[in-house]
C-alpha cells in the first residue's frame, strides 16, 4: 500500500477502536473486574472493581503514549 493509504487505514482503525471502546467500556470494566477477582490473592480481590474502574478510562492515555493520534 502506498503511504497515504496506510495513514488513512491507521486513522480509520483508530477511530473504530475508540468508538467501539466507548460503546463497550462498561462491559470491559465488568469483564476486567471478574478477571482480577479470579487472579488476585484473596486479600486483594475486594479491590478488583476499583482497579478495573481505574484501568478502563486509561485507554486514551495509553493510546496517546503509543503514538496514536486522537
N, C-alpha and C. Protein backbone atom coordinates (compact mmCIF):
# COMPACT_ATOMS: atom_id res chain seq x y z
N UNK A 1 0.84 -1.18 0.00
CA UNK A 1 0.00 0.00 0.00
C UNK A 1 0.88 1.24 0.00
N UNK A 2 0.36 2.23 -0.58
CA UNK A 2 1.07 3.50 -0.56
C UNK A 2 0.92 4.15 0.81
N UNK A 3 1.84 5.05 1.10
CA UNK A 3 1.85 5.71 2.41
C UNK A 3 0.54 6.42 2.73
N UNK A 4 -0.08 7.19 1.81
CA UNK A 4 -1.36 7.82 2.15
C UNK A 4 -2.45 6.79 2.48
N UNK A 5 -2.44 5.66 1.78
CA UNK A 5 -3.40 4.61 2.07
C UNK A 5 -3.19 4.00 3.45
N UNK A 6 -1.93 3.82 3.82
CA UNK A 6 -1.61 3.28 5.14
C UNK A 6 -2.02 4.24 6.24
N UNK A 7 -1.79 5.53 6.02
CA UNK A 7 -2.19 6.54 7.00
C UNK A 7 -3.70 6.56 7.16
N UNK A 8 -4.41 6.51 6.04
CA UNK A 8 -5.87 6.51 6.09
C UNK A 8 -6.39 5.27 6.81
N UNK A 9 -5.80 4.13 6.54
CA UNK A 9 -6.20 2.89 7.20
C UNK A 9 -5.94 2.98 8.70
N UNK A 10 -4.79 3.50 9.08
CA UNK A 10 -4.45 3.64 10.50
C UNK A 10 -5.46 4.53 11.21
N UNK A 11 -5.79 5.68 10.61
CA UNK A 11 -6.76 6.59 11.22
C UNK A 11 -8.14 5.94 11.33
N UNK A 12 -8.55 5.22 10.30
CA UNK A 12 -9.84 4.53 10.32
C UNK A 12 -9.88 3.51 11.46
N UNK A 13 -8.84 2.70 11.59
CA UNK A 13 -8.81 1.68 12.62
C UNK A 13 -8.80 2.29 14.02
N UNK A 14 -8.08 3.37 14.19
CA UNK A 14 -8.05 4.05 15.49
C UNK A 14 -9.44 4.58 15.83
N UNK A 15 -10.11 5.20 14.87
CA UNK A 15 -11.46 5.71 15.11
C UNK A 15 -12.41 4.58 15.48
N UNK A 16 -12.30 3.46 14.80
CA UNK A 16 -13.17 2.32 15.09
C UNK A 16 -12.89 1.77 16.48
N UNK A 17 -11.64 1.66 16.82
CA UNK A 17 -11.26 1.15 18.13
C UNK A 17 -11.78 2.06 19.23
N UNK A 18 -11.59 3.36 19.07
CA UNK A 18 -12.04 4.30 20.09
C UNK A 18 -13.55 4.32 20.22
N UNK A 19 -14.27 4.32 19.11
CA UNK A 19 -15.73 4.36 19.21
C UNK A 19 -16.27 3.06 19.77
N UNK A 20 -15.72 1.93 19.37
CA UNK A 20 -16.16 0.65 19.92
C UNK A 20 -15.82 0.55 21.40
N UNK A 21 -14.68 1.07 21.79
CA UNK A 21 -14.30 1.04 23.19
C UNK A 21 -15.29 1.86 24.01
N UNK A 22 -15.64 3.04 23.52
CA UNK A 22 -16.58 3.88 24.25
C UNK A 22 -17.92 3.17 24.42
N UNK A 23 -18.35 2.45 23.41
CA UNK A 23 -19.62 1.73 23.48
C UNK A 23 -19.58 0.59 24.48
N UNK A 24 -18.42 0.00 24.66
CA UNK A 24 -18.32 -1.21 25.47
C UNK A 24 -17.50 -1.03 26.74
N UNK A 25 -17.28 0.19 27.15
CA UNK A 25 -16.43 0.44 28.32
C UNK A 25 -16.99 -0.25 29.57
N UNK A 26 -18.30 -0.16 29.80
CA UNK A 26 -18.89 -0.76 30.99
C UNK A 26 -18.72 -2.28 30.98
N UNK A 27 -18.94 -2.89 29.82
CA UNK A 27 -18.74 -4.33 29.70
C UNK A 27 -17.29 -4.69 29.98
N UNK A 28 -16.39 -3.89 29.46
CA UNK A 28 -14.96 -4.12 29.69
C UNK A 28 -14.64 -4.06 31.17
N UNK A 29 -15.19 -3.05 31.88
CA UNK A 29 -14.92 -2.93 33.31
C UNK A 29 -15.42 -4.16 34.07
N UNK A 30 -16.60 -4.65 33.72
CA UNK A 30 -17.14 -5.85 34.38
C UNK A 30 -16.26 -7.07 34.10
N UNK A 31 -15.86 -7.22 32.85
CA UNK A 31 -15.02 -8.34 32.45
C UNK A 31 -13.66 -8.28 33.16
N UNK A 32 -13.07 -7.10 33.19
CA UNK A 32 -11.78 -6.93 33.86
C UNK A 32 -11.91 -7.16 35.36
N UNK A 33 -13.00 -6.72 35.96
CA UNK A 33 -13.24 -6.97 37.38
C UNK A 33 -13.23 -8.46 37.67
N UNK A 34 -13.94 -9.23 36.84
CA UNK A 34 -14.01 -10.67 37.03
C UNK A 34 -12.63 -11.32 36.90
N UNK A 35 -11.88 -10.89 35.90
CA UNK A 35 -10.52 -11.42 35.70
C UNK A 35 -9.65 -11.13 36.93
N UNK A 36 -9.73 -9.90 37.42
CA UNK A 36 -8.92 -9.53 38.59
C UNK A 36 -9.36 -10.32 39.83
N UNK A 37 -10.67 -10.46 40.02
CA UNK A 37 -11.15 -11.22 41.18
C UNK A 37 -10.66 -12.66 41.13
N UNK A 38 -10.62 -13.23 39.94
CA UNK A 38 -10.20 -14.61 39.79
C UNK A 38 -8.70 -14.81 39.94
N UNK A 39 -7.93 -13.74 39.76
CA UNK A 39 -6.47 -13.89 39.73
C UNK A 39 -5.71 -13.19 40.85
N UNK A 40 -6.35 -12.26 41.54
CA UNK A 40 -5.67 -11.59 42.64
C UNK A 40 -5.70 -12.47 43.88
N UNK A 41 -4.74 -12.29 44.77
CA UNK A 41 -4.80 -13.00 46.05
C UNK A 41 -6.10 -12.64 46.77
N UNK A 42 -6.59 -13.55 47.60
CA UNK A 42 -7.89 -13.37 48.27
C UNK A 42 -7.98 -12.03 49.00
N UNK A 43 -6.90 -11.61 49.63
CA UNK A 43 -6.95 -10.35 50.40
C UNK A 43 -7.02 -9.11 49.51
N UNK A 44 -6.73 -9.25 48.22
CA UNK A 44 -6.80 -8.12 47.29
C UNK A 44 -8.00 -8.19 46.34
N UNK A 45 -8.68 -9.31 46.31
CA UNK A 45 -9.78 -9.49 45.36
C UNK A 45 -10.89 -8.47 45.56
N UNK A 46 -11.07 -7.98 46.78
CA UNK A 46 -12.10 -6.98 47.04
C UNK A 46 -11.85 -5.66 46.34
N UNK A 47 -10.63 -5.40 45.96
CA UNK A 47 -10.31 -4.14 45.28
C UNK A 47 -10.37 -4.28 43.75
N UNK A 48 -10.80 -5.42 43.25
CA UNK A 48 -10.82 -5.66 41.81
C UNK A 48 -11.70 -4.67 41.06
N UNK A 49 -12.87 -4.36 41.60
CA UNK A 49 -13.77 -3.42 40.92
C UNK A 49 -13.16 -2.03 40.83
N UNK A 50 -12.53 -1.59 41.91
CA UNK A 50 -11.89 -0.28 41.92
C UNK A 50 -10.73 -0.25 40.92
N UNK A 51 -9.92 -1.30 40.90
CA UNK A 51 -8.80 -1.37 39.95
C UNK A 51 -9.29 -1.35 38.51
N UNK A 52 -10.35 -2.10 38.23
CA UNK A 52 -10.89 -2.14 36.87
C UNK A 52 -11.42 -0.77 36.46
N UNK A 53 -12.09 -0.09 37.38
CA UNK A 53 -12.63 1.24 37.08
C UNK A 53 -11.52 2.24 36.82
N UNK A 54 -10.38 2.06 37.48
CA UNK A 54 -9.24 2.96 37.26
C UNK A 54 -8.55 2.65 35.93
N UNK A 55 -8.51 1.39 35.54
CA UNK A 55 -7.80 0.99 34.32
C UNK A 55 -8.59 1.31 33.06
N UNK A 56 -9.88 1.12 33.08
CA UNK A 56 -10.69 1.25 31.87
C UNK A 56 -10.55 2.61 31.18
N UNK A 57 -10.66 3.72 31.90
CA UNK A 57 -10.57 5.01 31.19
C UNK A 57 -9.17 5.40 30.75
N UNK A 58 -8.19 4.62 31.11
CA UNK A 58 -6.81 4.94 30.74
C UNK A 58 -6.46 4.56 29.32
N UNK A 59 -7.40 3.97 28.61
CA UNK A 59 -7.15 3.57 27.23
C UNK A 59 -6.68 4.76 26.40
N UNK A 60 -7.35 5.90 26.55
CA UNK A 60 -6.98 7.08 25.78
C UNK A 60 -5.55 7.52 26.05
N UNK A 61 -5.17 7.51 27.32
CA UNK A 61 -3.80 7.88 27.69
C UNK A 61 -2.80 6.90 27.10
N UNK A 62 -3.12 5.62 27.18
CA UNK A 62 -2.21 4.60 26.65
C UNK A 62 -2.08 4.75 25.14
N UNK A 63 -3.17 5.00 24.45
CA UNK A 63 -3.13 5.17 23.00
C UNK A 63 -2.24 6.36 22.62
N UNK A 64 -2.38 7.45 23.36
CA UNK A 64 -1.54 8.63 23.06
C UNK A 64 -0.07 8.32 23.32
N UNK A 65 0.23 7.58 24.39
CA UNK A 65 1.62 7.23 24.70
C UNK A 65 2.21 6.33 23.61
N UNK A 66 1.37 5.55 22.97
CA UNK A 66 1.85 4.67 21.90
C UNK A 66 1.95 5.40 20.57
N UNK A 67 1.54 6.68 20.55
CA UNK A 67 1.69 7.47 19.33
C UNK A 67 0.47 7.50 18.43
N UNK A 68 -0.69 7.00 18.94
CA UNK A 68 -1.90 7.06 18.14
C UNK A 68 -2.51 8.44 18.25
N UNK A 69 -2.86 9.07 17.16
CA UNK A 69 -3.49 10.39 17.23
C UNK A 69 -4.92 10.28 17.74
N UNK A 70 -5.47 11.36 18.23
CA UNK A 70 -6.87 11.38 18.68
C UNK A 70 -7.74 11.89 17.59
